[in-house]
Protein backbone atom coordinates (compact mmCIF):
# COMPACT_ATOMS: atom_id res chain seq x y z
CA MET A 1 91.84 96.52 29.77
CA GLU A 2 91.26 93.37 27.78
CA GLY A 3 88.83 92.07 30.46
CA THR A 4 86.91 95.31 30.37
CA LYS A 5 86.75 95.18 26.57
CA ASP A 6 85.59 91.56 26.63
CA SER A 7 82.88 92.45 29.15
CA ASN A 8 81.62 95.28 26.97
CA VAL A 9 81.47 92.99 23.91
CA LYS A 10 79.47 90.42 25.87
CA ARG A 11 77.11 93.09 27.15
CA PHE A 12 76.63 94.45 23.62
CA CYS A 13 75.98 90.98 22.19
CA SER A 14 73.55 90.17 25.01
CA GLN A 15 71.61 93.32 24.35
CA ASN A 16 71.40 92.51 20.62
CA ILE A 17 70.32 88.94 21.30
CA LEU A 18 67.67 90.15 23.75
CA ALA A 19 66.44 92.62 21.14
CA ILE A 20 66.24 89.85 18.52
CA LEU A 21 64.43 87.58 20.96
CA GLY A 22 62.01 90.39 21.86
CA LEU A 23 61.31 91.04 18.21
CA SER A 24 60.80 87.31 17.63
CA SER A 25 58.40 87.16 20.58
CA ILE A 26 56.38 90.11 19.29
CA THR A 27 56.30 88.58 15.80
CA ALA A 28 55.17 85.22 17.17
CA VAL A 29 52.39 86.89 19.23
CA ILE A 30 51.20 88.88 16.23
CA ALA A 31 51.26 85.73 14.07
CA LEU A 32 49.26 83.75 16.64
CA ILE A 33 46.65 86.49 16.91
CA ALA A 34 46.41 86.86 13.13
CA VAL A 35 46.06 83.14 12.46
CA GLY A 36 43.51 82.73 15.27
CA LEU A 37 41.36 85.67 14.18
CA SER A 38 41.39 84.80 10.48
CA GLN A 39 40.57 81.14 11.12
CA ASN A 40 37.82 81.75 13.67
CA LYS A 41 36.11 84.84 12.34
CA PRO A 42 32.39 84.33 11.65
CA LEU A 43 31.75 83.16 8.10
CA PRO A 44 29.40 85.32 6.06
CA GLU A 45 25.80 84.09 5.98
CA ASN A 46 25.16 81.84 3.01
CA PHE A 47 21.41 81.46 2.90
CA LYS A 48 18.75 81.00 0.28
CA TYR A 49 15.14 82.14 0.49
CA GLY A 50 11.90 80.90 -1.01
CA ILE A 51 8.36 82.28 -1.08
CA VAL A 52 5.18 80.22 -1.28
CA LEU A 53 1.66 81.61 -1.57
CA ASP A 54 -1.09 79.30 -0.33
CA ALA A 55 -4.19 80.28 -2.30
CA GLY A 56 -6.91 78.47 -0.38
CA SER A 57 -10.66 78.43 -0.83
CA THR A 58 -11.34 81.14 1.78
CA HIS A 59 -8.10 83.13 1.96
CA THR A 60 -4.49 83.40 0.75
CA SER A 61 -1.40 83.28 2.96
CA LEU A 62 2.19 84.09 2.00
CA TYR A 63 5.10 82.29 3.67
CA ILE A 64 8.79 83.14 3.41
CA TYR A 65 11.28 80.36 4.05
CA LYS A 66 15.03 80.43 4.57
CA TRP A 67 17.65 77.68 4.45
CA ALA A 68 21.41 77.22 4.38
CA ALA A 69 22.79 76.89 0.87
CA GLU A 70 24.59 73.68 1.89
CA LYS A 71 21.96 70.97 1.92
CA ASN A 72 21.49 67.93 4.16
CA ASN A 73 21.37 64.80 2.00
CA ASN A 74 20.22 66.86 -0.99
CA THR A 75 17.27 68.49 0.82
CA GLY A 76 17.44 71.97 2.30
CA GLU A 77 16.72 72.43 6.01
CA VAL A 78 14.05 75.09 5.72
CA HIS A 79 12.81 77.52 8.39
CA GLN A 80 9.82 79.86 8.23
CA VAL A 81 10.82 83.48 8.75
CA GLU A 82 7.64 85.33 7.81
CA GLU A 83 3.88 84.78 7.40
CA CYS A 84 1.57 87.32 5.79
CA GLU A 85 -2.19 86.95 5.61
CA VAL A 86 -3.56 88.45 2.41
CA LYS A 87 -6.63 90.57 3.13
CA GLY A 88 -9.68 89.33 1.28
CA PRO A 89 -11.31 86.04 0.16
CA GLY A 90 -9.77 83.22 -1.85
CA ILE A 91 -8.50 84.00 -5.35
CA ALA A 92 -11.38 82.07 -6.96
CA LYS A 93 -13.69 84.89 -5.88
CA TYR A 94 -11.77 87.22 -8.24
CA SER A 95 -12.70 85.27 -11.37
CA HIS A 96 -15.00 88.14 -12.41
CA ASN A 97 -12.79 90.89 -10.97
CA LEU A 98 -9.27 90.20 -12.24
CA ASP A 99 -8.23 93.84 -11.84
CA GLY A 100 -8.64 93.52 -8.08
CA LEU A 101 -5.92 90.86 -7.79
CA ASN A 102 -3.05 93.35 -8.01
CA THR A 103 -4.25 95.33 -4.97
CA TYR A 104 -5.10 92.05 -3.26
CA LEU A 105 -1.48 90.82 -3.39
CA THR A 106 0.42 94.10 -3.01
CA GLU A 107 0.73 94.40 0.77
CA CYS A 108 2.23 90.96 1.35
CA MET A 109 4.48 91.16 -1.70
CA GLU A 110 5.88 94.50 -0.49
CA ARG A 111 6.58 92.93 2.88
CA SER A 112 8.45 90.12 1.10
CA LYS A 113 10.72 92.69 -0.56
CA ASN A 114 11.75 93.94 2.88
CA VAL A 115 12.28 90.52 4.46
CA VAL A 116 14.40 88.96 1.70
CA PRO A 117 17.77 90.77 1.25
CA LYS A 118 17.63 92.84 -1.92
CA SER A 119 20.76 91.22 -3.34
CA LEU A 120 19.00 87.83 -3.18
CA HIS A 121 15.75 88.88 -4.89
CA PRO A 122 16.74 87.64 -8.38
CA GLU A 123 17.59 84.15 -7.09
CA THR A 124 14.67 83.78 -4.64
CA PRO A 125 12.01 81.50 -6.12
CA ILE A 126 8.36 82.35 -5.61
CA TYR A 127 5.52 79.91 -6.14
CA LEU A 128 1.75 80.15 -5.89
CA GLY A 129 -0.20 76.99 -5.22
CA ALA A 130 -3.98 77.07 -5.40
CA THR A 131 -6.02 74.40 -3.67
CA ALA A 132 -9.62 73.19 -3.50
CA GLY A 133 -11.30 76.55 -4.12
CA MET A 134 -9.63 76.82 -7.51
CA ARG A 135 -10.19 73.13 -8.20
CA LEU A 136 -13.90 73.76 -7.81
CA LEU A 137 -13.74 76.86 -10.02
CA ARG A 138 -11.96 74.83 -12.71
CA MET A 139 -14.68 72.17 -12.51
CA GLY A 140 -17.23 74.89 -13.25
CA SER A 141 -15.19 76.82 -15.84
CA GLU A 142 -11.65 75.94 -16.86
CA GLN A 143 -11.40 79.24 -18.72
CA LEU A 144 -12.21 81.33 -15.63
CA ALA A 145 -9.73 79.36 -13.52
CA GLN A 146 -6.99 79.84 -16.10
CA SER A 147 -7.70 83.56 -16.39
CA VAL A 148 -7.17 83.94 -12.63
CA LEU A 149 -3.86 82.06 -12.78
CA ASP A 150 -2.71 84.06 -15.83
CA GLU A 151 -3.45 87.36 -14.11
CA ILE A 152 -1.60 86.31 -10.97
CA SER A 153 1.35 85.15 -13.07
CA ASP A 154 1.55 88.56 -14.73
CA ILE A 155 1.45 90.32 -11.37
CA LEU A 156 4.09 88.17 -9.67
CA SER A 157 6.37 88.27 -12.71
CA ASN A 158 6.70 92.04 -12.31
CA TYR A 159 8.54 91.61 -9.00
CA ALA A 160 12.30 91.10 -8.88
CA PHE A 161 11.91 87.59 -7.47
CA ASP A 162 12.40 84.44 -9.55
CA PHE A 163 8.76 83.63 -10.32
CA GLN A 164 8.35 79.88 -10.83
CA GLY A 165 4.68 79.71 -11.69
CA ALA A 166 1.13 79.70 -10.34
CA ARG A 167 -0.76 76.45 -10.55
CA ILE A 168 -3.56 74.43 -9.02
CA LEU A 169 -2.26 71.64 -6.79
CA THR A 170 -3.87 68.24 -6.96
CA GLY A 171 -5.56 67.00 -3.81
CA GLN A 172 -2.85 64.33 -3.51
CA GLU A 173 -0.10 66.93 -3.60
CA GLU A 174 -1.82 69.04 -0.98
CA GLY A 175 -2.14 66.05 1.34
CA ALA A 176 1.38 64.75 0.76
CA TYR A 177 3.06 68.13 1.25
CA GLY A 178 1.14 68.55 4.50
CA TRP A 179 2.51 65.18 5.60
CA ILE A 180 6.05 66.36 4.82
CA THR A 181 5.48 69.53 6.87
CA VAL A 182 4.28 67.68 9.96
CA ASN A 183 7.13 65.19 9.92
CA TYR A 184 9.73 67.86 9.24
CA ILE A 185 8.80 70.10 12.15
CA LEU A 186 8.50 67.09 14.47
CA GLY A 187 11.96 65.90 13.45
CA THR A 188 11.05 62.40 12.26
CA PHE A 189 13.13 62.74 9.09
CA PHE A 190 16.30 63.13 11.18
CA GLN A 191 15.76 61.10 14.35
CA LYS A 192 16.70 57.45 14.61
CA SER A 193 15.37 54.99 17.16
CA LYS A 194 18.00 53.42 19.47
CA TRP A 195 18.42 49.68 19.86
CA MET A 196 21.06 48.23 22.21
CA GLY A 197 22.86 51.56 22.28
CA MET A 198 23.16 51.74 18.51
CA PHE A 199 21.28 53.79 15.95
CA ALA A 200 19.01 51.43 14.07
CA SER A 201 15.80 52.08 12.15
CA LYS A 202 14.22 55.43 11.35
CA LYS A 203 11.64 56.78 13.77
CA ASP A 204 8.05 56.13 12.66
CA THR A 205 6.52 59.00 10.73
CA PHE A 206 3.38 60.88 11.72
CA GLY A 207 0.22 60.76 9.69
CA ALA A 208 -1.27 64.12 8.64
CA MET A 209 -4.82 65.38 8.31
CA ASP A 210 -5.72 68.72 6.78
CA LEU A 211 -9.17 70.32 6.81
CA GLY A 212 -9.83 73.35 4.65
CA GLY A 213 -12.93 75.10 3.45
CA ALA A 214 -13.49 72.97 0.34
CA SER A 215 -11.53 69.74 0.88
CA THR A 216 -9.94 67.53 3.50
CA GLN A 217 -6.85 65.32 3.19
CA ILE A 218 -5.52 62.30 5.06
CA THR A 219 -1.95 61.07 4.50
CA PHE A 220 0.14 58.43 6.29
CA VAL A 221 2.50 55.50 5.81
CA PRO A 222 0.33 52.37 6.22
CA LYS A 223 1.56 49.24 7.96
CA SER A 224 0.67 46.95 5.09
CA HIS A 225 2.80 47.05 1.96
CA ILE A 226 -0.06 45.65 -0.12
CA ILE A 227 -1.21 48.40 -2.47
CA GLU A 228 -4.85 47.94 -3.49
CA SER A 229 -5.21 51.40 -5.07
CA PRO A 230 -1.90 52.47 -6.72
CA GLY A 231 -3.29 55.90 -7.54
CA SER A 232 -3.58 56.61 -3.81
CA PHE A 233 0.19 56.43 -3.19
CA LEU A 234 3.02 58.89 -3.79
CA GLN A 235 6.78 58.40 -3.56
CA PHE A 236 9.19 60.89 -1.96
CA ARG A 237 12.92 61.00 -1.30
CA LEU A 238 13.79 63.24 1.63
CA TYR A 239 16.99 63.49 3.68
CA GLY A 240 18.46 60.41 2.07
CA ASP A 241 15.44 58.12 2.61
CA ASN A 242 12.59 56.96 0.39
CA TYR A 243 8.95 57.10 1.51
CA SER A 244 5.78 55.60 0.04
CA VAL A 245 2.73 57.35 1.48
CA TYR A 246 -0.98 56.84 1.15
CA THR A 247 -2.84 60.09 0.51
CA HIS A 248 -6.34 61.04 -0.52
CA SER A 249 -8.13 64.35 -0.81
CA PHE A 250 -11.89 64.45 -0.38
CA LEU A 251 -13.06 67.36 -2.50
CA CYS A 252 -16.32 68.92 -1.26
CA TYR A 253 -15.67 67.63 2.26
CA GLY A 254 -13.95 70.71 3.66
CA GLN A 255 -15.98 72.30 6.45
CA ASN A 256 -17.61 75.02 4.29
CA GLU A 257 -18.60 72.76 1.40
CA ALA A 258 -19.75 70.01 3.77
CA LEU A 259 -22.11 72.51 5.39
CA GLN A 260 -23.40 73.56 1.97
CA GLN A 261 -24.03 69.90 1.12
CA LYS A 262 -25.92 69.38 4.36
CA LEU A 263 -28.10 72.45 3.79
CA ALA A 264 -28.83 71.43 0.18
CA LYS A 265 -29.78 67.94 1.38
CA ASP A 266 -31.94 69.05 4.31
CA ILE A 267 -33.84 71.84 2.52
CA GLN A 268 -35.31 69.29 0.10
CA VAL A 269 -37.92 68.27 2.67
CA SER A 270 -39.05 71.84 3.39
CA SER A 271 -42.17 73.17 1.73
CA ASN A 272 -42.44 76.55 3.44
CA GLY A 273 -38.92 77.94 3.12
CA ILE A 274 -37.97 77.30 6.75
CA LEU A 275 -35.20 74.89 7.75
CA LYS A 276 -35.17 73.85 11.40
CA ASP A 277 -31.46 73.09 11.62
CA PRO A 278 -30.06 71.13 14.60
CA CYS A 279 -26.48 72.21 13.80
CA PHE A 280 -27.14 75.86 14.70
CA HIS A 281 -27.83 77.28 18.14
CA LEU A 282 -31.36 77.83 19.37
CA GLY A 283 -32.41 81.35 18.42
CA TYR A 284 -30.02 81.66 15.46
CA GLU A 285 -31.61 82.75 12.17
CA LYS A 286 -30.16 83.31 8.71
CA LEU A 287 -31.53 83.80 5.19
CA VAL A 288 -29.95 81.69 2.42
CA ASN A 289 -30.33 82.28 -1.32
CA VAL A 290 -31.16 79.03 -3.10
CA SER A 291 -29.24 79.96 -6.24
CA GLU A 292 -26.11 80.64 -4.14
CA LEU A 293 -26.54 77.30 -2.40
CA TYR A 294 -26.60 75.42 -5.71
CA LYS A 295 -23.78 77.48 -7.20
CA SER A 296 -21.09 75.08 -5.98
CA PRO A 297 -20.36 71.84 -7.87
CA CYS A 298 -20.43 70.14 -4.46
CA THR A 299 -24.19 70.56 -4.10
CA ASN A 300 -25.12 69.38 -7.62
CA ARG A 301 -26.21 65.95 -6.42
CA PHE A 302 -28.84 67.54 -4.14
CA GLU A 303 -30.13 70.15 -6.57
CA LYS A 304 -33.87 70.21 -7.19
CA THR A 305 -36.49 72.76 -8.08
CA LEU A 306 -37.82 74.37 -4.90
CA PRO A 307 -41.02 76.45 -4.51
CA PHE A 308 -39.03 79.36 -3.03
CA ASP A 309 -35.95 81.42 -3.98
CA GLU A 310 -34.59 81.72 -0.46
CA PHE A 311 -35.08 79.98 2.83
CA GLN A 312 -34.50 80.75 6.48
CA ILE A 313 -32.32 78.71 8.77
CA GLN A 314 -33.74 78.50 12.29
CA GLY A 315 -31.36 76.89 14.75
CA ILE A 316 -32.62 74.36 17.29
CA GLY A 317 -29.25 73.29 18.78
CA ASN A 318 -29.64 69.50 18.89
CA TYR A 319 -26.24 67.84 18.65
CA GLN A 320 -27.45 64.25 18.20
CA GLN A 321 -29.74 65.22 15.33
CA CYS A 322 -26.92 67.29 13.85
CA ARG A 323 -24.57 64.27 13.90
CA GLN A 324 -27.21 62.12 12.24
CA SER A 325 -27.73 64.68 9.47
CA ILE A 326 -23.96 64.91 8.87
CA LEU A 327 -23.54 61.12 8.67
CA GLU A 328 -25.93 61.07 5.72
CA LEU A 329 -23.19 62.84 3.72
CA PHE A 330 -20.94 59.77 4.05
CA ASN A 331 -21.88 56.80 1.90
CA THR A 332 -20.43 53.78 3.70
CA SER A 333 -22.67 51.15 2.06
CA TYR A 334 -20.26 50.40 -0.80
CA CYS A 335 -16.57 49.45 -0.71
CA PRO A 336 -14.75 47.73 -3.61
CA TYR A 337 -11.61 47.26 -1.46
CA SER A 338 -10.75 45.46 1.74
CA HIS A 339 -11.12 48.71 3.67
CA CYS A 340 -12.69 52.07 2.74
CA ALA A 341 -13.22 55.51 4.17
CA PHE A 342 -16.53 56.53 2.56
CA ASN A 343 -17.95 56.97 -0.94
CA GLY A 344 -16.06 53.86 -2.06
CA VAL A 345 -12.61 55.43 -1.49
CA PHE A 346 -9.79 53.08 -0.48
CA LEU A 347 -8.35 53.80 2.98
CA PRO A 348 -5.85 51.49 4.71
CA PRO A 349 -6.47 51.01 8.44
CA VAL A 350 -5.08 54.05 10.26
CA ASN A 351 -2.06 53.44 12.46
CA GLY A 352 0.48 55.37 14.48
CA ASP A 353 0.52 59.02 15.51
CA PHE A 354 -1.37 61.70 13.57
CA GLY A 355 -1.14 65.46 13.40
CA ALA A 356 -4.35 67.30 12.46
CA PHE A 357 -4.07 70.93 11.40
CA SER A 358 -5.77 73.88 9.68
CA ALA A 359 -9.51 73.86 10.53
CA PHE A 360 -9.08 70.68 12.57
CA TYR A 361 -6.96 72.69 14.98
CA PHE A 362 -8.84 76.00 14.89
CA VAL A 363 -12.23 74.42 15.58
CA MET A 364 -11.08 72.02 18.27
CA ASP A 365 -8.98 74.71 19.93
CA PHE A 366 -12.04 76.98 20.13
CA LEU A 367 -14.06 74.13 21.67
CA ASN A 368 -11.23 73.41 24.17
CA LEU A 369 -10.77 69.93 22.73
CA THR A 370 -7.03 69.85 22.10
CA SER A 371 -6.07 68.19 25.40
CA LYS A 372 -5.29 64.49 25.04
CA ASN A 373 -7.21 63.51 28.20
CA LEU A 374 -10.38 64.52 26.34
CA PHE A 375 -9.70 62.32 23.29
CA SER A 376 -12.45 59.74 23.52
CA GLU A 377 -15.69 59.48 21.57
CA ALA A 378 -17.80 59.89 24.70
CA LYS A 379 -15.90 62.91 26.03
CA MET A 380 -15.77 64.71 22.69
CA ASN A 381 -19.48 64.15 22.11
CA GLU A 382 -20.26 65.40 25.60
CA ILE A 383 -18.33 68.66 25.19
CA VAL A 384 -19.63 69.52 21.72
CA GLU A 385 -23.20 68.58 22.67
CA LYS A 386 -23.00 70.93 25.65
CA TYR A 387 -21.73 73.74 23.41
CA CYS A 388 -24.42 73.20 20.76
CA SER A 389 -27.19 73.29 23.36
CA ARG A 390 -26.34 76.84 24.46
CA PRO A 391 -28.70 79.56 23.13
CA TRP A 392 -27.39 81.82 20.37
CA GLU A 393 -27.66 85.01 22.41
CA GLU A 394 -25.59 83.46 25.18
CA ILE A 395 -22.95 82.40 22.66
CA ARG A 396 -22.79 85.88 21.12
CA THR A 397 -22.41 87.47 24.53
CA SER A 398 -19.70 85.01 25.60
CA PHE A 399 -17.56 85.50 22.46
CA PRO A 400 -18.00 89.12 21.33
CA ASP A 401 -14.66 89.23 19.46
CA VAL A 402 -15.33 86.24 17.20
CA LYS A 403 -16.84 86.88 13.76
CA GLU A 404 -20.48 85.85 13.64
CA LYS A 405 -20.02 83.55 10.65
CA TYR A 406 -17.36 81.49 12.43
CA LEU A 407 -19.15 81.61 15.77
CA SER A 408 -22.44 80.38 14.33
CA GLU A 409 -20.77 77.41 12.59
CA TYR A 410 -18.61 76.01 15.40
CA CYS A 411 -21.39 73.66 16.48
CA PHE A 412 -21.63 72.19 12.98
CA SER A 413 -17.85 72.14 12.52
CA GLY A 414 -17.25 70.35 15.83
CA ALA A 415 -19.89 67.75 15.02
CA TYR A 416 -18.51 67.39 11.50
CA ILE A 417 -14.92 66.83 12.65
CA ILE A 418 -15.99 64.15 15.13
CA SER A 419 -18.09 62.45 12.44
CA LEU A 420 -15.24 62.63 9.92
CA LEU A 421 -12.75 61.10 12.35
CA LEU A 422 -14.99 58.36 13.72
CA GLN A 423 -17.26 57.42 10.83
CA GLY A 424 -15.27 58.78 7.88
CA TYR A 425 -11.75 57.65 8.81
CA HIS A 426 -12.77 54.96 11.35
CA PHE A 427 -10.71 56.24 14.27
CA THR A 428 -11.23 54.30 17.49
CA ASP A 429 -10.67 55.61 21.02
CA ASN A 430 -7.18 54.09 20.91
CA ASP A 431 -6.46 55.90 17.63
CA LEU A 432 -7.69 59.18 19.11
CA LYS A 433 -5.07 58.90 21.86
CA ASN A 434 -2.39 59.13 19.16
CA LEU A 435 -3.88 62.30 17.66
CA ASP A 436 -2.47 65.82 18.07
CA PHE A 437 -4.29 68.95 16.93
CA MET A 438 -1.54 71.24 15.69
CA GLY A 439 -1.51 74.97 15.05
CA GLU A 440 1.92 76.55 14.95
CA VAL A 441 4.79 74.28 16.00
CA LYS A 442 8.28 75.63 16.77
CA GLY A 443 7.43 78.92 15.11
CA THR A 444 6.30 77.24 11.89
CA SER A 445 2.74 77.12 10.59
CA THR A 446 1.47 73.64 9.78
CA GLY A 447 0.08 73.16 6.30
CA TRP A 448 1.27 72.07 2.87
CA THR A 449 3.49 75.06 2.01
CA LEU A 450 6.57 74.08 4.02
CA GLY A 451 6.42 70.55 2.63
CA TYR A 452 6.12 72.00 -0.86
CA MET A 453 9.22 74.12 -0.34
CA LEU A 454 11.14 71.21 1.19
CA ASN A 455 10.39 69.02 -1.79
CA LEU A 456 11.26 71.78 -4.25
CA THR A 457 14.63 72.45 -2.63
CA ASN A 458 15.75 69.13 -4.05
CA LYS A 459 15.72 70.93 -7.41
CA ILE A 460 17.72 73.95 -6.25
CA PRO A 461 21.48 73.36 -6.71
CA ALA A 462 23.49 73.25 -3.52
CA GLU A 463 26.44 75.58 -3.19
CA GLN A 464 29.84 74.67 -1.83
CA PRO A 465 29.88 75.44 1.89
CA LEU A 466 31.89 78.43 2.97
CA THR A 467 35.01 77.19 4.78
CA ALA A 468 37.78 78.72 6.90
CA PRO A 469 40.82 80.05 4.94
CA LEU A 470 43.18 77.37 6.35
CA SER A 471 42.73 73.63 6.55
CA HIS A 472 42.59 72.25 10.07
CA PRO A 473 46.05 70.55 9.93
CA THR A 474 47.66 73.75 8.60
CA TYR A 475 45.97 75.81 11.29
CA VAL A 476 47.20 73.49 14.06
CA PHE A 477 50.76 73.41 12.65
CA LEU A 478 51.01 77.21 12.48
CA MET A 479 49.61 77.70 15.98
CA VAL A 480 52.06 75.14 17.45
CA PHE A 481 55.00 76.51 15.42
CA PHE A 482 54.54 80.14 16.49
CA SER A 483 53.78 79.08 20.07
CA LEU A 484 57.09 77.18 20.24
CA ILE A 485 58.95 80.19 18.87
CA LEU A 486 57.34 82.40 21.50
CA VAL A 487 58.10 79.99 24.36
CA ALA A 488 61.70 79.47 23.22
CA ALA A 489 62.30 83.21 22.89
CA ILE A 490 60.92 83.88 26.36
CA ILE A 491 63.01 81.13 28.00
CA ILE A 492 66.27 82.16 26.28
CA GLY A 493 65.61 85.80 27.06
CA LEU A 494 65.07 85.09 30.75
CA VAL A 495 68.29 83.06 30.94
CA ILE A 496 70.36 85.84 29.32
CA PHE A 497 68.76 88.54 31.42
CA LYS A 498 69.18 86.79 34.78
CA ASN A 499 72.46 84.88 34.30
CA PRO A 500 74.38 86.18 31.28
CA SER A 501 77.69 84.63 32.47
CA TYR A 502 76.13 81.16 32.43
CA PHE A 503 74.84 81.82 28.93
CA TRP A 504 78.29 82.79 27.65
CA LYS A 505 79.91 79.85 29.46
CA GLU A 506 77.55 77.47 27.69
CA MET A 507 78.33 79.08 24.35
CA VAL A 508 82.07 78.69 24.93
């Protein structure tokens, strides 16, 4: 009887111990799952947004940028998420129609409201930067330029975004921010060059060249540290490093204003109101109002009283004569420094790789001149000369989807870009081999706006990064602890279940 009773007690105790071990196992499994899920669940997005409007001489574009709130060496890593082309001309054209600016901006601003999460609208900065078109308007009338900016400020302030102002950028700023953009999207701010298996010096930066309608900019880090023209240099601190860059903006030397200068210069020798122009295709004709031609401050130096109020352009399509006419716009006879571009402007010798964007890219892409194996003076001249020699009717038939204004000016623009590179900036064939014509790179538009936003993010406070609820050591300890409990419970349970007598013998 006593043996039977003892057996029953052992069986009862074994069952209770197995139950406790089972409960412990289940608890350990639940704890492991809970700790793992809570530690490894995706963290909520912690992003900031910024909006920049590029108010150029011929059009306005809106860009929306996004970056993680935690910054890399005090500069946000910014990505373009949206681009919106505002329908209409540049904002300077609204100087006598301020009421039209509200409608002008509405479509792109409404799109911005949909792209940026509503909860982030109050903390999303929005900036408007105006470039050469507004610089020219301000030269003619500071009051008109300010009235345009004031009206835009009133309009943008009515949106829920954090409006930071509308202002006219200097030519230096435009050039320097374009340089930042090019080097950011090409990764030169982050990459290091390797030497003997170790990370050593920073990778060389790219130079940047921008060509708009009213101005053109060139920006790069020169080899020489001798500064002959201090006003031509700007300092930046980006991603933990300091940069001293040369930059200059040539106002009136964008493609549109350069053409106006050439026309104003060439029409001086006409007495009958007809301009035989080698920069337009044979058979092309266009009437030009003299008062409109002299309306721009860029043509003031060529203004003279003419015996007619309008004149007719008649294209003759002669590339060599076109180049010669363009070169007369560059005064290279005077240089007060060791090295100049043109018009007495200091320019260090160009060196290294360059990225050329905006109209540089659009024109050369149209002319099929973006391939590096074509980058020589002889080859570029050959291709553009061949294009310019084609009759206007043939050109119109070949490119029916291109606007006539752009199509008619590609001959001039191609010749102008080649002249600017070779005679204006003194590029050699070797320098041309280091040149890239850039449109959109890695989903980001090249231009000054991204560089502007990158520089401004230095002024936006960084937030503490969102972290997992447990520190790494605590997480590891808990996972090991509960895993040991689970393993121990399983082993003990198996021993009791398969050999209970051995278990009780060990206990005794």
